[in-house]
Amino acid sequence: MKVILKKSITSLGKAGDLINVNDGYARNYLIPKGMAIEADEKNIKAMEHEKKNILKKAQKEHDNAQDMADSLANVTLTFSRKAGDQGKIFGSVTAKDIEEALQEKGYKVDRKTIILNDHIKSLGESKVKIKLSAGVETELTINVIGE
């Protein structure tokens, strides 16, 4: 099924692109979530007219994400956890903990954008990637100290 993307999606393309995807993926995911519309003649003509607006909106979102990435690069989050003898903490620091700490500092970051290879389970400093938008990533420092 041919669809026109309304939003930039990393694995598929940029906003305004005409792409071919499986029927089920389009009907059950892309179209209901407002990420794409079916590419018929009427929608293609309307989309060419709206493409400029979509590209402006996508550029604005990208710029906002880049600004947020620049400010997040300077952020260091400190978590206090009980720890054992060898520096291993009881429990772990998860993406949810990081999301809540960022929200307390005034940043709106979805936990799905926080890329943790594994939960942080030891004392010390760690780097965590955050993917804010297509092509915009940043790292922030997580410091875990013992109680």
N, C-alpha and C. Protein backbone atom coordinates (compact mmCIF):
# COMPACT_ATOMS: atom_id res chain seq x y z
N MET A 1 0.85 -1.17 0.00
CA MET A 1 0.00 0.00 0.00
C MET A 1 0.89 1.24 0.00
N LYS A 2 0.56 2.20 -0.82
CA LYS A 2 1.30 3.44 -0.88
C LYS A 2 0.68 4.42 0.11
N VAL A 3 1.56 5.03 0.91
CA VAL A 3 1.13 6.03 1.88
C VAL A 3 2.04 7.25 1.79
N ILE A 4 1.53 8.35 2.28
CA ILE A 4 2.30 9.59 2.37
C ILE A 4 2.55 9.84 3.85
N LEU A 5 3.80 10.00 4.22
CA LEU A 5 4.15 10.22 5.62
C LEU A 5 3.79 11.64 6.04
N LYS A 6 3.12 11.75 7.18
CA LYS A 6 2.81 13.06 7.75
C LYS A 6 3.88 13.49 8.75
N LYS A 7 4.62 12.51 9.28
CA LYS A 7 5.70 12.77 10.23
C LYS A 7 6.94 12.02 9.77
N SER A 8 8.08 12.52 10.14
CA SER A 8 9.33 11.82 9.82
C SER A 8 9.46 10.60 10.73
N ILE A 9 9.74 9.46 10.11
CA ILE A 9 9.92 8.22 10.84
C ILE A 9 11.28 7.67 10.42
N THR A 10 12.13 7.41 11.39
CA THR A 10 13.52 7.04 11.12
C THR A 10 13.65 5.90 10.13
N SER A 11 12.88 4.84 10.33
CA SER A 11 13.05 3.66 9.49
C SER A 11 12.35 3.76 8.14
N LEU A 12 11.48 4.76 7.95
CA LEU A 12 10.71 4.86 6.70
C LEU A 12 11.09 6.05 5.83
N GLY A 13 11.17 7.23 6.41
CA GLY A 13 11.48 8.40 5.61
C GLY A 13 11.07 9.68 6.29
N LYS A 14 11.16 10.77 5.52
CA LYS A 14 10.84 12.10 6.04
C LYS A 14 9.37 12.42 5.79
N ALA A 15 8.89 13.42 6.50
CA ALA A 15 7.52 13.88 6.32
C ALA A 15 7.33 14.32 4.87
N GLY A 16 6.21 13.89 4.26
CA GLY A 16 5.91 14.24 2.88
C GLY A 16 6.35 13.21 1.88
N ASP A 17 7.13 12.22 2.29
CA ASP A 17 7.60 11.18 1.37
C ASP A 17 6.47 10.22 1.00
N LEU A 18 6.47 9.77 -0.23
CA LEU A 18 5.54 8.76 -0.71
C LEU A 18 6.27 7.42 -0.65
N ILE A 19 5.76 6.51 0.19
CA ILE A 19 6.45 5.23 0.38
C ILE A 19 5.48 4.07 0.22
N ASN A 20 6.03 2.89 0.04
CA ASN A 20 5.24 1.68 -0.09
C ASN A 20 5.50 0.82 1.14
N VAL A 21 4.43 0.48 1.89
CA VAL A 21 4.53 -0.36 3.09
C VAL A 21 3.50 -1.47 3.01
N ASN A 22 3.62 -2.44 3.89
CA ASN A 22 2.64 -3.51 3.96
C ASN A 22 1.26 -2.95 4.34
N ASP A 23 0.21 -3.56 3.80
CA ASP A 23 -1.15 -3.08 4.04
C ASP A 23 -1.49 -3.04 5.53
N GLY A 24 -1.16 -4.10 6.25
CA GLY A 24 -1.49 -4.18 7.67
C GLY A 24 -0.78 -3.13 8.48
N TYR A 25 0.48 -2.88 8.17
CA TYR A 25 1.26 -1.87 8.88
C TYR A 25 0.64 -0.49 8.67
N ALA A 26 0.21 -0.22 7.45
CA ALA A 26 -0.40 1.07 7.16
C ALA A 26 -1.76 1.21 7.85
N ARG A 27 -2.62 0.20 7.69
CA ARG A 27 -3.99 0.28 8.23
C ARG A 27 -4.05 0.21 9.76
N ASN A 28 -3.16 -0.60 10.34
CA ASN A 28 -3.26 -0.83 11.77
C ASN A 28 -2.35 0.06 12.62
N TYR A 29 -1.33 0.66 12.02
CA TYR A 29 -0.40 1.45 12.81
C TYR A 29 -0.23 2.88 12.30
N LEU A 30 0.24 3.02 11.07
CA LEU A 30 0.60 4.36 10.57
C LEU A 30 -0.61 5.29 10.44
N ILE A 31 -1.67 4.83 9.82
CA ILE A 31 -2.83 5.69 9.57
C ILE A 31 -3.58 6.01 10.88
N PRO A 32 -3.88 5.02 11.74
CA PRO A 32 -4.59 5.36 12.99
C PRO A 32 -3.81 6.29 13.91
N LYS A 33 -2.48 6.21 13.89
CA LYS A 33 -1.67 7.06 14.76
C LYS A 33 -1.40 8.43 14.14
N GLY A 34 -1.93 8.67 12.95
CA GLY A 34 -1.77 9.97 12.31
C GLY A 34 -0.38 10.20 11.73
N MET A 35 0.36 9.13 11.51
CA MET A 35 1.71 9.25 10.97
C MET A 35 1.72 9.26 9.45
N ALA A 36 0.63 8.77 8.84
CA ALA A 36 0.58 8.69 7.38
C ALA A 36 -0.87 8.74 6.92
N ILE A 37 -1.04 9.03 5.63
CA ILE A 37 -2.36 8.95 5.00
C ILE A 37 -2.22 8.12 3.73
N GLU A 38 -3.34 7.52 3.33
CA GLU A 38 -3.31 6.70 2.12
C GLU A 38 -3.03 7.58 0.90
N ALA A 39 -2.23 7.06 -0.02
CA ALA A 39 -1.81 7.84 -1.18
C ALA A 39 -2.75 7.59 -2.36
N ASP A 40 -3.89 8.26 -2.37
CA ASP A 40 -4.74 8.24 -3.55
C ASP A 40 -4.56 9.59 -4.26
N GLU A 41 -5.21 9.75 -5.42
CA GLU A 41 -4.99 10.97 -6.22
C GLU A 41 -5.30 12.24 -5.44
N LYS A 42 -6.42 12.22 -4.74
CA LYS A 42 -6.85 13.39 -3.98
C LYS A 42 -5.84 13.74 -2.89
N ASN A 43 -5.39 12.73 -2.16
CA ASN A 43 -4.45 12.99 -1.07
C ASN A 43 -3.08 13.41 -1.60
N ILE A 44 -2.67 12.88 -2.75
CA ILE A 44 -1.37 13.27 -3.31
C ILE A 44 -1.39 14.74 -3.69
N LYS A 45 -2.48 15.20 -4.33
CA LYS A 45 -2.58 16.62 -4.70
C LYS A 45 -2.64 17.51 -3.46
N ALA A 46 -3.42 17.09 -2.47
CA ALA A 46 -3.53 17.87 -1.24
C ALA A 46 -2.18 17.88 -0.50
N MET A 47 -1.49 16.77 -0.55
CA MET A 47 -0.22 16.66 0.16
C MET A 47 0.85 17.54 -0.48
N GLU A 48 0.85 17.63 -1.79
CA GLU A 48 1.82 18.50 -2.45
C GLU A 48 1.61 19.95 -2.02
N HIS A 49 0.35 20.30 -1.82
CA HIS A 49 0.04 21.65 -1.35
C HIS A 49 0.49 21.84 0.11
N GLU A 50 0.29 20.80 0.92
CA GLU A 50 0.62 20.89 2.35
C GLU A 50 2.07 20.56 2.65
N LYS A 51 2.79 20.07 1.68
CA LYS A 51 4.17 19.60 1.91
C LYS A 51 5.05 20.71 2.49
N LYS A 52 4.88 21.92 2.00
CA LYS A 52 5.67 23.03 2.53
C LYS A 52 5.39 23.23 4.01
N ASN A 53 4.11 23.19 4.39
CA ASN A 53 3.76 23.37 5.80
C ASN A 53 4.30 22.23 6.66
N ILE A 54 4.23 21.02 6.14
CA ILE A 54 4.72 19.86 6.88
C ILE A 54 6.23 19.95 7.06
N LEU A 55 6.92 20.35 6.01
CA LEU A 55 8.37 20.47 6.09
C LEU A 55 8.78 21.57 7.07
N LYS A 56 8.03 22.68 7.09
CA LYS A 56 8.31 23.75 8.05
C LYS A 56 8.11 23.24 9.48
N LYS A 57 7.00 22.51 9.67
CA LYS A 57 6.69 21.97 11.00
C LYS A 57 7.76 20.96 11.43
N ALA A 58 8.17 20.10 10.51
CA ALA A 58 9.21 19.11 10.81
C ALA A 58 10.53 19.80 11.14
N GLN A 59 10.86 20.85 10.41
CA GLN A 59 12.10 21.59 10.69
C GLN A 59 12.03 22.26 12.05
N LYS A 60 10.87 22.80 12.39
CA LYS A 60 10.70 23.44 13.70
C LYS A 60 10.85 22.42 14.82
N GLU A 61 10.25 21.23 14.65
CA GLU A 61 10.37 20.16 15.65
C GLU A 61 11.82 19.73 15.78
N HIS A 62 12.52 19.62 14.64
CA HIS A 62 13.93 19.24 14.65
C HIS A 62 14.77 20.28 15.39
N ASP A 63 14.50 21.57 15.13
CA ASP A 63 15.23 22.64 15.79
C ASP A 63 14.98 22.63 17.30
N ASN A 64 13.71 22.41 17.69
CA ASN A 64 13.38 22.33 19.12
C ASN A 64 14.09 21.15 19.77
N ALA A 65 14.10 20.01 19.08
CA ALA A 65 14.78 18.83 19.60
C ALA A 65 16.28 19.10 19.72
N GLN A 66 16.86 19.80 18.74
CA GLN A 66 18.29 20.12 18.79
C GLN A 66 18.59 21.05 19.96
N ASP A 67 17.73 22.04 20.20
CA ASP A 67 17.92 22.94 21.33
C ASP A 67 17.86 22.17 22.65
N MET A 68 16.88 21.26 22.75
CA MET A 68 16.76 20.46 23.96
C MET A 68 17.98 19.56 24.13
N ALA A 69 18.47 19.00 23.03
CA ALA A 69 19.66 18.14 23.08
C ALA A 69 20.87 18.92 23.58
N ASP A 70 21.01 20.15 23.11
CA ASP A 70 22.13 20.98 23.55
C ASP A 70 22.06 21.27 25.05
N SER A 71 20.85 21.54 25.55
CA SER A 71 20.73 21.82 26.98
C SER A 71 20.85 20.54 27.82
N LEU A 72 20.37 19.40 27.30
CA LEU A 72 20.49 18.14 28.04
C LEU A 72 21.93 17.64 28.11
N ALA A 73 22.76 18.02 27.16
CA ALA A 73 24.15 17.56 27.16
C ALA A 73 24.90 18.04 28.39
N ASN A 74 24.43 19.12 29.00
CA ASN A 74 25.09 19.68 30.18
C ASN A 74 24.47 19.20 31.49
N VAL A 75 23.46 18.34 31.41
CA VAL A 75 22.75 17.89 32.60
C VAL A 75 23.43 16.67 33.20
N THR A 76 23.58 16.69 34.53
CA THR A 76 24.06 15.53 35.26
C THR A 76 23.01 15.20 36.31
N LEU A 77 22.52 13.97 36.27
CA LEU A 77 21.53 13.53 37.25
C LEU A 77 22.23 12.69 38.30
N THR A 78 21.91 12.94 39.56
CA THR A 78 22.51 12.18 40.65
C THR A 78 21.42 11.40 41.36
N PHE A 79 21.65 10.11 41.50
CA PHE A 79 20.72 9.23 42.20
C PHE A 79 21.44 8.66 43.42
N SER A 80 20.73 8.59 44.54
CA SER A 80 21.28 8.03 45.76
C SER A 80 20.60 6.68 46.00
N ARG A 81 21.41 5.63 46.08
CA ARG A 81 20.88 4.28 46.27
C ARG A 81 21.69 3.56 47.35
N LYS A 82 21.04 2.63 48.03
CA LYS A 82 21.76 1.77 48.97
C LYS A 82 22.63 0.81 48.17
N ALA A 83 23.85 0.60 48.68
CA ALA A 83 24.79 -0.23 47.94
C ALA A 83 25.44 -1.27 48.83
N GLY A 84 25.87 -2.35 48.20
CA GLY A 84 26.57 -3.42 48.90
C GLY A 84 28.07 -3.12 48.96
N ASP A 85 28.83 -4.12 49.42
CA ASP A 85 30.28 -3.95 49.61
C ASP A 85 31.03 -3.69 48.31
N GLN A 86 30.64 -4.32 47.23
CA GLN A 86 31.41 -4.24 45.99
C GLN A 86 30.91 -3.15 45.04
N GLY A 87 30.14 -2.22 45.54
CA GLY A 87 29.67 -1.11 44.72
C GLY A 87 28.42 -1.42 43.92
N LYS A 88 27.83 -2.58 44.13
CA LYS A 88 26.58 -2.90 43.44
C LYS A 88 25.42 -2.36 44.27
N ILE A 89 24.49 -1.75 43.59
CA ILE A 89 23.36 -1.16 44.31
C ILE A 89 22.21 -2.15 44.42
N PHE A 90 21.41 -1.96 45.44
CA PHE A 90 20.21 -2.77 45.60
C PHE A 90 19.13 -2.16 44.71
N GLY A 91 18.65 -2.91 43.76
CA GLY A 91 17.74 -2.39 42.76
C GLY A 91 18.54 -1.87 41.59
N SER A 92 18.01 -0.87 40.89
CA SER A 92 18.72 -0.31 39.75
C SER A 92 18.15 1.06 39.42
N VAL A 93 18.84 1.76 38.56
CA VAL A 93 18.35 3.03 38.03
C VAL A 93 17.81 2.72 36.64
N THR A 94 16.52 2.97 36.44
CA THR A 94 15.86 2.62 35.19
C THR A 94 15.53 3.86 34.37
N ALA A 95 15.03 3.63 33.18
CA ALA A 95 14.61 4.73 32.30
C ALA A 95 13.49 5.54 32.96
N LYS A 96 12.64 4.88 33.72
CA LYS A 96 11.55 5.58 34.42
C LYS A 96 12.12 6.55 35.46
N ASP A 97 13.14 6.11 36.20
CA ASP A 97 13.78 6.98 37.18
C ASP A 97 14.39 8.20 36.50
N ILE A 98 15.05 7.98 35.37
CA ILE A 98 15.68 9.08 34.63
C ILE A 98 14.62 10.03 34.11
N GLU A 99 13.51 9.48 33.58
CA GLU A 99 12.42 10.32 33.07
C GLU A 99 11.86 11.21 34.18
N GLU A 100 11.62 10.64 35.35
CA GLU A 100 11.07 11.40 36.48
C GLU A 100 12.04 12.49 36.94
N ALA A 101 13.33 12.17 36.99
CA ALA A 101 14.33 13.16 37.40
C ALA A 101 14.40 14.31 36.39
N LEU A 102 14.30 13.99 35.11
CA LEU A 102 14.32 15.04 34.08
C LEU A 102 13.07 15.91 34.16
N GLN A 103 11.93 15.30 34.46
CA GLN A 103 10.69 16.08 34.58
C GLN A 103 10.76 17.03 35.78
N GLU A 104 11.42 16.60 36.85
CA GLU A 104 11.60 17.48 38.00
C GLU A 104 12.45 18.69 37.65
N LYS A 105 13.37 18.52 36.70
CA LYS A 105 14.24 19.62 36.26
C LYS A 105 13.58 20.45 35.15
N GLY A 106 12.38 20.04 34.71
CA GLY A 106 11.65 20.82 33.72
C GLY A 106 11.78 20.35 32.28
N TYR A 107 12.36 19.18 32.05
CA TYR A 107 12.49 18.65 30.70
C TYR A 107 11.40 17.62 30.45
N LYS A 108 10.74 17.73 29.31
CA LYS A 108 9.74 16.73 28.94
C LYS A 108 10.38 15.72 28.00
N VAL A 109 10.73 14.57 28.56
CA VAL A 109 11.37 13.51 27.80
C VAL A 109 10.60 12.23 28.06
N ASP A 110 10.20 11.56 26.99
CA ASP A 110 9.49 10.30 27.12
C ASP A 110 10.49 9.19 27.42
N ARG A 111 10.14 8.29 28.31
CA ARG A 111 11.07 7.22 28.70
C ARG A 111 11.42 6.31 27.54
N LYS A 112 10.58 6.26 26.51
CA LYS A 112 10.87 5.43 25.34
C LYS A 112 12.04 5.97 24.53
N THR A 113 12.36 7.25 24.72
CA THR A 113 13.47 7.85 23.99
C THR A 113 14.80 7.68 24.72
N ILE A 114 14.74 7.22 25.97
CA ILE A 114 15.95 7.00 26.76
C ILE A 114 16.49 5.62 26.42
N ILE A 115 17.72 5.58 25.92
CA ILE A 115 18.31 4.32 25.45
C ILE A 115 19.28 3.79 26.51
N LEU A 116 18.82 2.76 27.21
CA LEU A 116 19.66 2.09 28.20
C LEU A 116 19.94 0.68 27.69
N ASN A 117 21.20 0.33 27.58
CA ASN A 117 21.52 -1.04 27.18
C ASN A 117 21.09 -2.01 28.26
N ASP A 118 21.28 -1.61 29.51
CA ASP A 118 20.86 -2.40 30.66
C ASP A 118 20.64 -1.40 31.80
N HIS A 119 19.84 -1.77 32.78
CA HIS A 119 19.63 -0.89 33.93
C HIS A 119 20.98 -0.64 34.62
N ILE A 120 21.12 0.53 35.19
CA ILE A 120 22.35 0.88 35.88
C ILE A 120 22.30 0.22 37.26
N LYS A 121 23.26 -0.68 37.54
CA LYS A 121 23.22 -1.47 38.76
C LYS A 121 24.46 -1.32 39.63
N SER A 122 25.27 -0.30 39.37
CA SER A 122 26.47 -0.11 40.18
C SER A 122 26.69 1.38 40.44
N LEU A 123 27.48 1.65 41.47
CA LEU A 123 27.81 3.02 41.81
C LEU A 123 28.74 3.60 40.75
N GLY A 124 28.74 4.91 40.65
CA GLY A 124 29.65 5.56 39.72
C GLY A 124 28.92 6.37 38.67
N GLU A 125 29.68 6.75 37.66
CA GLU A 125 29.16 7.60 36.59
C GLU A 125 28.87 6.77 35.35
N SER A 126 27.75 7.06 34.70
CA SER A 126 27.38 6.37 33.47
C SER A 126 26.88 7.40 32.47
N LYS A 127 27.02 7.07 31.20
CA LYS A 127 26.48 7.91 30.13
C LYS A 127 25.24 7.22 29.57
N VAL A 128 24.19 8.01 29.34
CA VAL A 128 22.94 7.49 28.81
C VAL A 128 22.57 8.29 27.57
N LYS A 129 22.23 7.59 26.49
CA LYS A 129 21.81 8.26 25.26
C LYS A 129 20.31 8.55 25.31
N ILE A 130 19.95 9.68 24.75
CA ILE A 130 18.54 10.03 24.59
C ILE A 130 18.35 10.41 23.14
N LYS A 131 17.39 9.74 22.48
CA LYS A 131 17.09 10.01 21.08
C LYS A 131 15.82 10.87 21.05
N LEU A 132 15.99 12.14 20.81
CA LEU A 132 14.89 13.09 20.88
C LEU A 132 14.05 13.14 19.62
N SER A 133 14.69 12.93 18.48
CA SER A 133 14.01 13.04 17.20
C SER A 133 14.87 12.30 16.18
N ALA A 134 14.34 12.18 14.97
CA ALA A 134 15.12 11.54 13.92
C ALA A 134 16.40 12.34 13.68
N GLY A 135 17.53 11.72 13.94
CA GLY A 135 18.81 12.37 13.72
C GLY A 135 19.28 13.27 14.85
N VAL A 136 18.54 13.35 15.96
CA VAL A 136 18.95 14.18 17.08
C VAL A 136 19.09 13.30 18.32
N GLU A 137 20.33 13.12 18.73
CA GLU A 137 20.63 12.33 19.92
C GLU A 137 21.52 13.15 20.83
N THR A 138 21.49 12.85 22.11
CA THR A 138 22.37 13.49 23.06
C THR A 138 22.70 12.49 24.16
N GLU A 139 23.73 12.80 24.91
CA GLU A 139 24.11 11.99 26.05
C GLU A 139 24.02 12.82 27.30
N LEU A 140 23.56 12.20 28.37
CA LEU A 140 23.60 12.88 29.64
C LEU A 140 24.30 11.98 30.64
N THR A 141 24.82 12.59 31.69
CA THR A 141 25.60 11.86 32.67
C THR A 141 24.71 11.49 33.86
N ILE A 142 24.80 10.23 34.25
CA ILE A 142 24.09 9.72 35.42
C ILE A 142 25.13 9.36 36.46
N ASN A 143 24.98 9.94 37.64
CA ASN A 143 25.91 9.68 38.74
C ASN A 143 25.14 8.97 39.84
N VAL A 144 25.57 7.77 40.21
CA VAL A 144 24.92 7.00 41.26
C VAL A 144 25.85 6.97 42.46
N ILE A 145 25.33 7.47 43.58
CA ILE A 145 26.14 7.50 44.81
C ILE A 145 25.48 6.63 45.87
N GLY A 146 26.27 6.15 46.78
CA GLY A 146 25.76 5.28 47.85
C GLY A 146 25.17 6.10 48.97
N GLU A 147 24.19 5.52 49.65
CA GLU A 147 23.57 6.21 50.78
C GLU A 147 24.39 5.99 52.04
